[in-house]
Amino acid sequence: MAANLADIEAQALQLSSRERGELAHRLLLSLDGERQDSPEAVAQAWDDEIARRVADMEAGRTEWIPVEEVMADVRKSIAAAKNAARGN
């Protein structure tokens, strides 16, 4: 007997938040299909990207924004999203 979506959802909601997070992660990964790269290849790609970004910073090709300004913008965006969700 196959479980329907409502039954699976009800069971999933009984899990702890950590277990629900792990389940969500596994389900999202299942949508992507088979991995194309090994973990080592992914790690190397990240190392290469980090090196590129550091080189860009050191060469002055990036714009530095103070953390206070970034956080103020984030707070404004969150407040605007909350107001929009409330219909304000």
C-alpha atoms as a PDB file:
ATOM      1  CA  MET A   1       0.000   0.000   0.000  1.00  0.00           C
ATOM      2  CA  ALA A   2       1.558   3.273  -1.117  1.00  0.00           C
ATOM      3  CA  ALA A   3       1.396   6.266   1.205  1.00  0.00           C
ATOM      4  CA  ASN A   4      -0.101   9.420  -0.211  1.00  0.00           C
ATOM      5  CA  LEU A   5       1.439  12.864   0.026  1.00  0.00           C
ATOM      6  CA  ALA A   6      -0.722  13.969   2.962  1.00  0.00           C
ATOM      7  CA  ASP A   7       0.281  10.894   4.979  1.00  0.00           C
ATOM      8  CA  ILE A   8       3.969  11.423   4.231  1.00  0.00           C
ATOM      9  CA  GLU A   9       3.699  15.096   5.160  1.00  0.00           C
ATOM     10  CA  ALA A  10       1.981  14.260   8.447  1.00  0.00           C
ATOM     11  CA  GLN A  11       4.709  11.759   9.278  1.00  0.00           C
ATOM     12  CA  ALA A  12       7.462  14.202   8.319  1.00  0.00           C
ATOM     13  CA  LEU A  13       5.994  16.906  10.549  1.00  0.00           C
ATOM     14  CA  GLN A  14       6.356  14.535  13.511  1.00  0.00           C
ATOM     15  CA  LEU A  15      10.152  14.543  13.049  1.00  0.00           C
ATOM     16  CA  SER A  16      12.442  16.844  15.006  1.00  0.00           C
ATOM     17  CA  SER A  17      13.496  20.050  13.277  1.00  0.00           C
ATOM     18  CA  ARG A  18      16.945  18.540  12.683  1.00  0.00           C
ATOM     19  CA  GLU A  19      15.434  15.416  11.102  1.00  0.00           C
ATOM     20  CA  ARG A  20      13.076  17.535   8.958  1.00  0.00           C
ATOM     21  CA  GLY A  21      16.049  19.564   7.792  1.00  0.00           C
ATOM     22  CA  GLU A  22      17.938  16.418   6.841  1.00  0.00           C
ATOM     23  CA  LEU A  23      14.890  15.060   5.031  1.00  0.00           C
ATOM     24  CA  ALA A  24      14.443  18.332   3.141  1.00  0.00           C
ATOM     25  CA  HIS A  25      18.120  18.283   2.192  1.00  0.00           C
ATOM     26  CA  ARG A  26      17.893  14.716   0.900  1.00  0.00           C
ATOM     27  CA  LEU A  27      14.740  15.489  -1.080  1.00  0.00           C
ATOM     28  CA  LEU A  28      16.320  18.552  -2.688  1.00  0.00           C
ATOM     29  CA  LEU A  29      19.399  16.555  -3.605  1.00  0.00           C
ATOM     30  CA  SER A  30      17.168  13.940  -5.214  1.00  0.00           C
ATOM     31  CA  LEU A  31      15.809  16.588  -7.594  1.00  0.00           C
ATOM     32  CA  ASP A  32      19.279  17.294  -8.939  1.00  0.00           C
ATOM     33  CA  GLY A  33      19.951  13.716 -10.040  1.00  0.00           C
ATOM     34  CA  GLU A  34      23.327  12.056  -9.964  1.00  0.00           C
ATOM     35  CA  ARG A  35      26.392  14.010  -8.895  1.00  0.00           C
ATOM     36  CA  GLN A  36      28.674  14.795 -11.772  1.00  0.00           C
ATOM     37  CA  ASP A  37      31.766  15.611  -9.733  1.00  0.00           C
ATOM     38  CA  SER A  38      33.536  13.899  -6.889  1.00  0.00           C
ATOM     39  CA  PRO A  39      33.731  15.635  -3.505  1.00  0.00           C
ATOM     40  CA  GLU A  40      37.402  16.278  -4.228  1.00  0.00           C
ATOM     41  CA  ALA A  41      36.554  17.988  -7.526  1.00  0.00           C
ATOM     42  CA  VAL A  42      33.942  20.152  -5.807  1.00  0.00           C
ATOM     43  CA  ALA A  43      36.446  21.102  -3.081  1.00  0.00           C
ATOM     44  CA  GLN A  44      39.044  21.988  -5.735  1.00  0.00           C
ATOM     45  CA  ALA A  45      36.510  24.139  -7.592  1.00  0.00           C
ATOM     46  CA  TRP A  46      35.775  26.030  -4.358  1.00  0.00           C
ATOM     47  CA  ASP A  47      39.497  26.464  -3.677  1.00  0.00           C
ATOM     48  CA  ASP A  48      39.936  27.879  -7.189  1.00  0.00           C
ATOM     49  CA  GLU A  49      36.981  30.247  -6.738  1.00  0.00           C
ATOM     50  CA  ILE A  50      38.281  31.464  -3.375  1.00  0.00           C
ATOM     51  CA  ALA A  51      41.727  32.085  -4.870  1.00  0.00           C
ATOM     52  CA  ARG A  52      40.147  34.034  -7.750  1.00  0.00           C
ATOM     53  CA  ARG A  53      38.126  36.189  -5.369  1.00  0.00           C
ATOM     54  CA  VAL A  54      41.130  36.893  -3.139  1.00  0.00           C
ATOM     55  CA  ALA A  55      43.167  37.878  -6.191  1.00  0.00           C
ATOM     56  CA  ASP A  56      40.361  40.211  -7.304  1.00  0.00           C
ATOM     57  CA  MET A  57      40.292  41.833  -3.854  1.00  0.00           C
ATOM     58  CA  GLU A  58      44.054  42.255  -3.725  1.00  0.00           C
ATOM     59  CA  ALA A  59      44.087  43.757  -7.225  1.00  0.00           C
ATOM     60  CA  GLY A  60      41.363  46.252  -6.311  1.00  0.00           C
ATOM     61  CA  ARG A  61      38.800  44.825  -8.735  1.00  0.00           C
ATOM     62  CA  THR A  62      36.106  44.489  -6.071  1.00  0.00           C
ATOM     63  CA  GLU A  63      34.017  47.004  -4.188  1.00  0.00           C
ATOM     64  CA  TRP A  64      34.312  46.842  -0.417  1.00  0.00           C
ATOM     65  CA  ILE A  65      31.133  47.612   1.490  1.00  0.00           C
ATOM     66  CA  PRO A  66      31.239  48.112   5.271  1.00  0.00           C
ATOM     67  CA  VAL A  67      29.449  45.354   7.171  1.00  0.00           C
ATOM     68  CA  GLU A  68      27.285  47.935   8.936  1.00  0.00           C
ATOM     69  CA  GLU A  69      25.936  49.120   5.576  1.00  0.00           C
ATOM     70  CA  VAL A  70      25.322  45.578   4.370  1.00  0.00           C
ATOM     71  CA  MET A  71      23.500  44.617   7.566  1.00  0.00           C
ATOM     72  CA  ALA A  72      21.366  47.782   7.435  1.00  0.00           C
ATOM     73  CA  ASP A  73      20.336  46.873   3.879  1.00  0.00           C
ATOM     74  CA  VAL A  74      19.551  43.300   4.935  1.00  0.00           C
ATOM     75  CA  ARG A  75      17.411  44.531   7.843  1.00  0.00           C
ATOM     76  CA  LYS A  76      15.527  46.900   5.513  1.00  0.00           C
ATOM     77  CA  SER A  77      14.883  44.069   3.052  1.00  0.00           C
ATOM     78  CA  ILE A  78      13.620  41.769   5.802  1.00  0.00           C
ATOM     79  CA  ALA A  79      11.335  44.481   7.187  1.00  0.00           C
ATOM     80  CA  ALA A  80       9.972  45.199   3.703  1.00  0.00           C
ATOM     81  CA  ALA A  81       9.321  41.496   3.080  1.00  0.00           C
ATOM     82  CA  LYS A  82       7.525  41.158   6.432  1.00  0.00           C
ATOM     83  CA  ASN A  83       5.395  44.212   5.687  1.00  0.00           C
ATOM     84  CA  ALA A  84       4.548  42.873   2.233  1.00  0.00           C
ATOM     85  CA  ALA A  85       3.553  39.516   3.740  1.00  0.00           C
ATOM     86  CA  ARG A  86       1.264  41.311   6.191  1.00  0.00           C
ATOM     87  CA  GLY A  87      -0.253  43.316   3.369  1.00  0.00           C
ATOM     88  CA  ASN A  88       1.102  46.642   4.623  1.00  0.00           C
END
